[in-house]
Amino acid sequence: MYKNGVINGMLLGMENYLQKHRQGSEAVIVNISSIAGISPFSVFPIYCGTKAAVLAMTRSWGTPQHYERTHIRIIGICPGVTDTPLISEMSGRNLGAGYQKILDATPVRTQE
């Protein structure tokens, strides 16, 4: 079975690590997604898909049914675009010429 590293890490934290190693009767997980999981960026569909998966899993595990099952609260944070190497060095690091053409025509606004 194929497992994405981010999704596998979330599963390990939720179903394995916190079940065995928490200090008290409850625990909290804070998942970091991205605005790209809410409002996709056409140049990076795989990145957006992964961030959307983090957000959807966070929302699913945040339901009362999962809290009753695990006593783990799940919080998700979706920050906006930030000026990091992922953004400033993205030219030429995408899925090919068609994606590069979209990138060249798309202004990227960042938070500093």
N, C-alpha and C. Protein backbone atom coordinates (compact mmCIF):
# COMPACT_ATOMS: atom_id res chain seq x y z
N MET A 1 0.83 -1.18 0.00
CA MET A 1 0.00 0.00 0.00
C MET A 1 0.87 1.24 0.00
N TYR A 2 0.58 2.20 -0.87
CA TYR A 2 1.32 3.45 -0.96
C TYR A 2 0.96 4.36 0.20
N LYS A 3 1.98 4.93 0.82
CA LYS A 3 1.73 5.89 1.90
C LYS A 3 2.56 7.13 1.65
N ASN A 4 1.92 8.26 1.70
CA ASN A 4 2.58 9.55 1.64
C ASN A 4 3.25 9.80 2.98
N GLY A 5 4.46 10.35 2.98
CA GLY A 5 5.19 10.57 4.22
C GLY A 5 4.45 11.45 5.22
N VAL A 6 3.80 12.50 4.74
CA VAL A 6 3.06 13.41 5.62
C VAL A 6 1.88 12.66 6.25
N ILE A 7 1.14 11.95 5.42
CA ILE A 7 -0.03 11.22 5.92
C ILE A 7 0.40 10.11 6.87
N ASN A 8 1.46 9.40 6.54
CA ASN A 8 1.96 8.36 7.42
C ASN A 8 2.39 8.94 8.77
N GLY A 9 3.04 10.09 8.75
CA GLY A 9 3.44 10.74 10.01
C GLY A 9 2.24 11.13 10.86
N MET A 10 1.19 11.62 10.22
CA MET A 10 -0.02 11.97 10.96
C MET A 10 -0.65 10.73 11.58
N LEU A 11 -0.71 9.65 10.81
CA LEU A 11 -1.26 8.40 11.34
C LEU A 11 -0.44 7.89 12.52
N LEU A 12 0.87 7.91 12.40
CA LEU A 12 1.72 7.46 13.50
C LEU A 12 1.50 8.29 14.76
N GLY A 13 1.42 9.62 14.61
CA GLY A 13 1.19 10.48 15.76
C GLY A 13 -0.15 10.23 16.41
N MET A 14 -1.19 10.12 15.62
CA MET A 14 -2.55 9.98 16.13
C MET A 14 -2.82 8.60 16.70
N GLU A 15 -2.47 7.57 15.95
CA GLU A 15 -2.89 6.22 16.32
C GLU A 15 -1.83 5.43 17.10
N ASN A 16 -0.61 5.93 17.13
CA ASN A 16 0.44 5.15 17.78
C ASN A 16 1.10 5.96 18.90
N TYR A 17 1.83 7.00 18.53
CA TYR A 17 2.66 7.70 19.50
C TYR A 17 1.87 8.28 20.67
N LEU A 18 0.86 9.10 20.38
CA LEU A 18 0.12 9.74 21.48
C LEU A 18 -0.71 8.74 22.28
N GLN A 19 -1.12 7.67 21.67
CA GLN A 19 -1.87 6.64 22.42
C GLN A 19 -0.99 6.00 23.48
N LYS A 20 0.31 5.89 23.21
CA LYS A 20 1.23 5.20 24.11
C LYS A 20 2.05 6.12 25.01
N HIS A 21 2.31 7.36 24.58
CA HIS A 21 3.30 8.18 25.27
C HIS A 21 2.78 9.48 25.86
N ARG A 22 1.51 9.74 25.85
CA ARG A 22 1.04 11.01 26.42
C ARG A 22 1.16 10.99 27.94
N GLN A 23 1.27 12.17 28.49
CA GLN A 23 1.48 12.31 29.93
C GLN A 23 0.18 12.29 30.73
N GLY A 24 -0.89 12.80 30.14
CA GLY A 24 -2.16 12.88 30.87
C GLY A 24 -3.27 12.14 30.15
N SER A 25 -4.49 12.48 30.52
CA SER A 25 -5.63 11.79 29.94
C SER A 25 -6.02 12.33 28.57
N GLU A 26 -5.52 13.52 28.23
CA GLU A 26 -5.80 14.13 26.94
C GLU A 26 -4.49 14.53 26.26
N ALA A 27 -4.60 14.80 24.96
CA ALA A 27 -3.44 15.27 24.20
C ALA A 27 -3.94 16.24 23.14
N VAL A 28 -3.00 16.97 22.55
CA VAL A 28 -3.31 17.91 21.49
C VAL A 28 -2.31 17.71 20.35
N ILE A 29 -2.82 17.70 19.13
CA ILE A 29 -1.99 17.69 17.94
C ILE A 29 -2.27 18.99 17.19
N VAL A 30 -1.21 19.68 16.78
CA VAL A 30 -1.35 20.87 15.95
C VAL A 30 -0.75 20.53 14.59
N ASN A 31 -1.61 20.44 13.57
CA ASN A 31 -1.16 20.15 12.21
C ASN A 31 -0.99 21.46 11.45
N ILE A 32 0.11 21.57 10.73
CA ILE A 32 0.37 22.74 9.90
C ILE A 32 0.06 22.36 8.46
N SER A 33 -0.92 22.99 7.90
CA SER A 33 -1.26 22.80 6.49
C SER A 33 -0.76 24.03 5.74
N SER A 34 -1.58 24.64 4.93
CA SER A 34 -1.19 25.82 4.17
C SER A 34 -2.44 26.40 3.53
N ILE A 35 -2.36 27.66 3.18
CA ILE A 35 -3.43 28.26 2.39
C ILE A 35 -3.59 27.48 1.08
N ALA A 36 -2.52 26.81 0.63
CA ALA A 36 -2.57 26.01 -0.59
C ALA A 36 -3.50 24.80 -0.46
N GLY A 37 -3.82 24.41 0.75
CA GLY A 37 -4.79 23.34 0.97
C GLY A 37 -6.22 23.82 0.88
N ILE A 38 -6.41 25.14 0.96
CA ILE A 38 -7.73 25.76 0.90
C ILE A 38 -7.97 26.38 -0.47
N SER A 39 -6.98 27.10 -0.95
CA SER A 39 -7.06 27.80 -2.23
C SER A 39 -5.86 27.38 -3.06
N PRO A 40 -6.02 26.39 -3.91
CA PRO A 40 -4.88 25.79 -4.62
C PRO A 40 -4.06 26.75 -5.47
N PHE A 41 -2.80 26.47 -5.58
CA PHE A 41 -1.84 27.21 -6.40
C PHE A 41 -1.56 26.32 -7.60
N SER A 42 -1.98 26.73 -8.80
CA SER A 42 -1.99 25.88 -9.99
C SER A 42 -0.62 25.33 -10.40
N VAL A 43 0.45 25.95 -9.97
CA VAL A 43 1.79 25.49 -10.36
C VAL A 43 2.22 24.24 -9.59
N PHE A 44 1.70 24.04 -8.39
CA PHE A 44 2.14 22.92 -7.55
C PHE A 44 0.97 22.06 -7.10
N PRO A 45 0.35 21.28 -7.99
CA PRO A 45 -0.81 20.48 -7.60
C PRO A 45 -0.49 19.40 -6.57
N ILE A 46 0.70 18.84 -6.59
CA ILE A 46 1.04 17.79 -5.62
C ILE A 46 1.18 18.39 -4.23
N TYR A 47 1.86 19.52 -4.12
CA TYR A 47 1.99 20.23 -2.84
C TYR A 47 0.61 20.59 -2.31
N CYS A 48 -0.23 21.16 -3.18
CA CYS A 48 -1.59 21.55 -2.77
C CYS A 48 -2.39 20.33 -2.32
N GLY A 49 -2.25 19.22 -3.04
CA GLY A 49 -2.97 18.01 -2.68
C GLY A 49 -2.56 17.49 -1.31
N THR A 50 -1.27 17.54 -1.02
CA THR A 50 -0.78 17.09 0.28
C THR A 50 -1.30 17.99 1.39
N LYS A 51 -1.27 19.30 1.17
CA LYS A 51 -1.78 20.24 2.18
C LYS A 51 -3.28 20.09 2.37
N ALA A 52 -4.02 19.82 1.28
CA ALA A 52 -5.46 19.58 1.40
C ALA A 52 -5.72 18.30 2.19
N ALA A 53 -4.87 17.28 1.99
CA ALA A 53 -5.02 16.04 2.76
C ALA A 53 -4.81 16.29 4.25
N VAL A 54 -3.79 17.08 4.59
CA VAL A 54 -3.55 17.42 6.00
C VAL A 54 -4.77 18.11 6.58
N LEU A 55 -5.32 19.06 5.85
CA LEU A 55 -6.49 19.79 6.33
C LEU A 55 -7.70 18.87 6.48
N ALA A 56 -7.96 18.03 5.50
CA ALA A 56 -9.12 17.12 5.56
C ALA A 56 -8.98 16.11 6.69
N MET A 57 -7.79 15.57 6.88
CA MET A 57 -7.58 14.62 7.98
C MET A 57 -7.73 15.31 9.32
N THR A 58 -7.22 16.54 9.43
CA THR A 58 -7.36 17.31 10.67
C THR A 58 -8.84 17.54 10.98
N ARG A 59 -9.59 17.92 9.98
CA ARG A 59 -11.02 18.17 10.19
C ARG A 59 -11.75 16.87 10.54
N SER A 60 -11.39 15.79 9.90
CA SER A 60 -12.04 14.50 10.20
C SER A 60 -11.73 14.04 11.61
N TRP A 61 -10.46 14.13 12.01
CA TRP A 61 -10.08 13.71 13.35
C TRP A 61 -10.55 14.69 14.41
N GLY A 62 -10.93 15.88 14.01
CA GLY A 62 -11.43 16.87 14.96
C GLY A 62 -12.89 16.69 15.34
N THR A 63 -13.53 15.67 14.81
CA THR A 63 -14.94 15.44 15.12
C THR A 63 -15.11 14.89 16.54
N PRO A 64 -16.27 15.11 17.12
CA PRO A 64 -16.52 14.58 18.48
C PRO A 64 -16.33 13.06 18.58
N GLN A 65 -16.67 12.34 17.52
CA GLN A 65 -16.52 10.89 17.57
C GLN A 65 -15.06 10.47 17.77
N HIS A 66 -14.15 11.13 17.08
CA HIS A 66 -12.73 10.79 17.26
C HIS A 66 -12.20 11.27 18.60
N TYR A 67 -12.67 12.42 19.05
CA TYR A 67 -12.24 12.88 20.37
C TYR A 67 -12.67 11.87 21.44
N GLU A 68 -13.90 11.42 21.38
CA GLU A 68 -14.38 10.42 22.36
C GLU A 68 -13.57 9.13 22.28
N ARG A 69 -13.14 8.77 21.10
CA ARG A 69 -12.36 7.54 20.91
C ARG A 69 -10.94 7.68 21.43
N THR A 70 -10.31 8.86 21.21
CA THR A 70 -8.88 9.01 21.49
C THR A 70 -8.54 9.97 22.62
N HIS A 71 -9.43 10.90 22.92
CA HIS A 71 -9.17 12.00 23.86
C HIS A 71 -7.97 12.84 23.39
N ILE A 72 -7.89 13.00 22.07
CA ILE A 72 -6.88 13.86 21.45
C ILE A 72 -7.61 14.97 20.70
N ARG A 73 -7.25 16.21 21.01
CA ARG A 73 -7.81 17.36 20.28
C ARG A 73 -6.89 17.64 19.10
N ILE A 74 -7.50 17.96 17.96
CA ILE A 74 -6.74 18.22 16.74
C ILE A 74 -6.98 19.67 16.32
N ILE A 75 -5.90 20.40 16.09
CA ILE A 75 -5.97 21.79 15.67
C ILE A 75 -5.20 21.91 14.35
N GLY A 76 -5.74 22.66 13.41
CA GLY A 76 -5.06 22.88 12.14
C GLY A 76 -4.78 24.36 11.94
N ILE A 77 -3.61 24.65 11.40
CA ILE A 77 -3.21 26.01 11.06
C ILE A 77 -2.88 26.03 9.57
N CYS A 78 -3.41 27.03 8.87
CA CYS A 78 -3.19 27.16 7.42
C CYS A 78 -2.59 28.53 7.11
N PRO A 79 -1.28 28.71 7.31
CA PRO A 79 -0.68 30.03 7.05
C PRO A 79 -0.69 30.36 5.56
N GLY A 80 -0.61 31.66 5.28
CA GLY A 80 -0.54 32.12 3.90
C GLY A 80 0.86 31.94 3.33
N VAL A 81 1.04 32.42 2.12
CA VAL A 81 2.33 32.32 1.44
C VAL A 81 3.34 33.19 2.17
N THR A 82 4.49 32.62 2.47
CA THR A 82 5.55 33.31 3.19
C THR A 82 6.81 33.29 2.33
N ASP A 83 7.57 34.34 2.34
CA ASP A 83 8.78 34.43 1.53
C ASP A 83 9.85 33.50 2.09
N THR A 84 9.87 32.28 1.57
CA THR A 84 10.86 31.27 1.95
C THR A 84 11.51 30.75 0.66
N PRO A 85 12.56 29.93 0.75
CA PRO A 85 13.15 29.36 -0.46
C PRO A 85 12.15 28.56 -1.32
N LEU A 86 11.15 27.96 -0.71
CA LEU A 86 10.14 27.25 -1.49
C LEU A 86 9.51 28.18 -2.51
N ILE A 87 9.29 29.43 -2.13
CA ILE A 87 8.68 30.42 -3.02
C ILE A 87 9.74 31.11 -3.87
N SER A 88 10.79 31.61 -3.25
CA SER A 88 11.77 32.41 -3.99
C SER A 88 12.60 31.59 -4.98
N GLU A 89 12.70 30.27 -4.78
CA GLU A 89 13.50 29.41 -5.66
C GLU A 89 12.65 28.40 -6.42
N MET A 90 11.35 28.70 -6.62
CA MET A 90 10.47 27.72 -7.25
C MET A 90 10.61 27.65 -8.76
N SER A 91 11.15 28.67 -9.39
CA SER A 91 11.30 28.65 -10.84
C SER A 91 12.16 27.46 -11.26
N GLY A 92 11.65 26.68 -12.21
CA GLY A 92 12.37 25.51 -12.70
C GLY A 92 12.24 24.28 -11.82
N ARG A 93 11.51 24.37 -10.71
CA ARG A 93 11.37 23.25 -9.78
C ARG A 93 9.91 22.81 -9.71
N ASN A 94 9.31 22.61 -10.87
CA ASN A 94 7.92 22.19 -10.92
C ASN A 94 7.80 21.00 -11.86
N LEU A 95 6.63 20.73 -12.34
CA LEU A 95 6.39 19.52 -13.14
C LEU A 95 6.69 19.68 -14.63
N GLY A 96 7.29 20.77 -15.04
CA GLY A 96 7.66 20.91 -16.44
C GLY A 96 7.29 22.24 -17.06
N ALA A 97 7.49 22.31 -18.38
CA ALA A 97 7.35 23.56 -19.12
C ALA A 97 5.96 24.18 -19.00
N GLY A 98 4.92 23.38 -19.05
CA GLY A 98 3.57 23.92 -18.92
C GLY A 98 3.34 24.60 -17.59
N TYR A 99 3.88 24.00 -16.53
CA TYR A 99 3.75 24.57 -15.19
C TYR A 99 4.62 25.82 -15.05
N GLN A 100 5.79 25.80 -15.68
CA GLN A 100 6.67 26.96 -15.64
C GLN A 100 6.01 28.15 -16.33
N LYS A 101 5.29 27.89 -17.43
CA LYS A 101 4.58 28.96 -18.14
C LYS A 101 3.52 29.59 -17.23
N ILE A 102 2.79 28.75 -16.48
CA ILE A 102 1.80 29.27 -15.52
C ILE A 102 2.50 30.09 -14.45
N LEU A 103 3.61 29.57 -13.93
CA LEU A 103 4.36 30.28 -12.88
C LEU A 103 4.83 31.65 -13.38
N ASP A 104 5.37 31.68 -14.59
CA ASP A 104 5.89 32.94 -15.13
C ASP A 104 4.79 33.99 -15.29
N ALA A 105 3.55 33.54 -15.48
CA ALA A 105 2.43 34.46 -15.69
C ALA A 105 1.67 34.78 -14.40
N THR A 106 2.08 34.16 -13.28
CA THR A 106 1.34 34.32 -12.03
C THR A 106 2.14 35.13 -11.02
N PRO A 107 1.64 36.28 -10.62
CA PRO A 107 2.31 37.01 -9.55
C PRO A 107 2.09 36.30 -8.21
N VAL A 108 3.13 36.19 -7.44
CA VAL A 108 3.03 35.56 -6.12
C VAL A 108 3.14 36.64 -5.06
N ARG A 109 2.11 36.74 -4.24
CA ARG A 109 2.13 37.70 -3.13
C ARG A 109 2.45 36.93 -1.86
N THR A 110 3.43 37.43 -1.12
CA THR A 110 3.86 36.75 0.09
C THR A 110 3.68 37.63 1.31
N GLN A 111 3.73 36.97 2.47
CA GLN A 111 3.73 37.66 3.76
C GLN A 111 5.16 37.67 4.24
N GLU A 112 5.63 38.78 4.72
CA GLU A 112 7.00 38.84 5.23
C GLU A 112 7.02 38.92 6.72
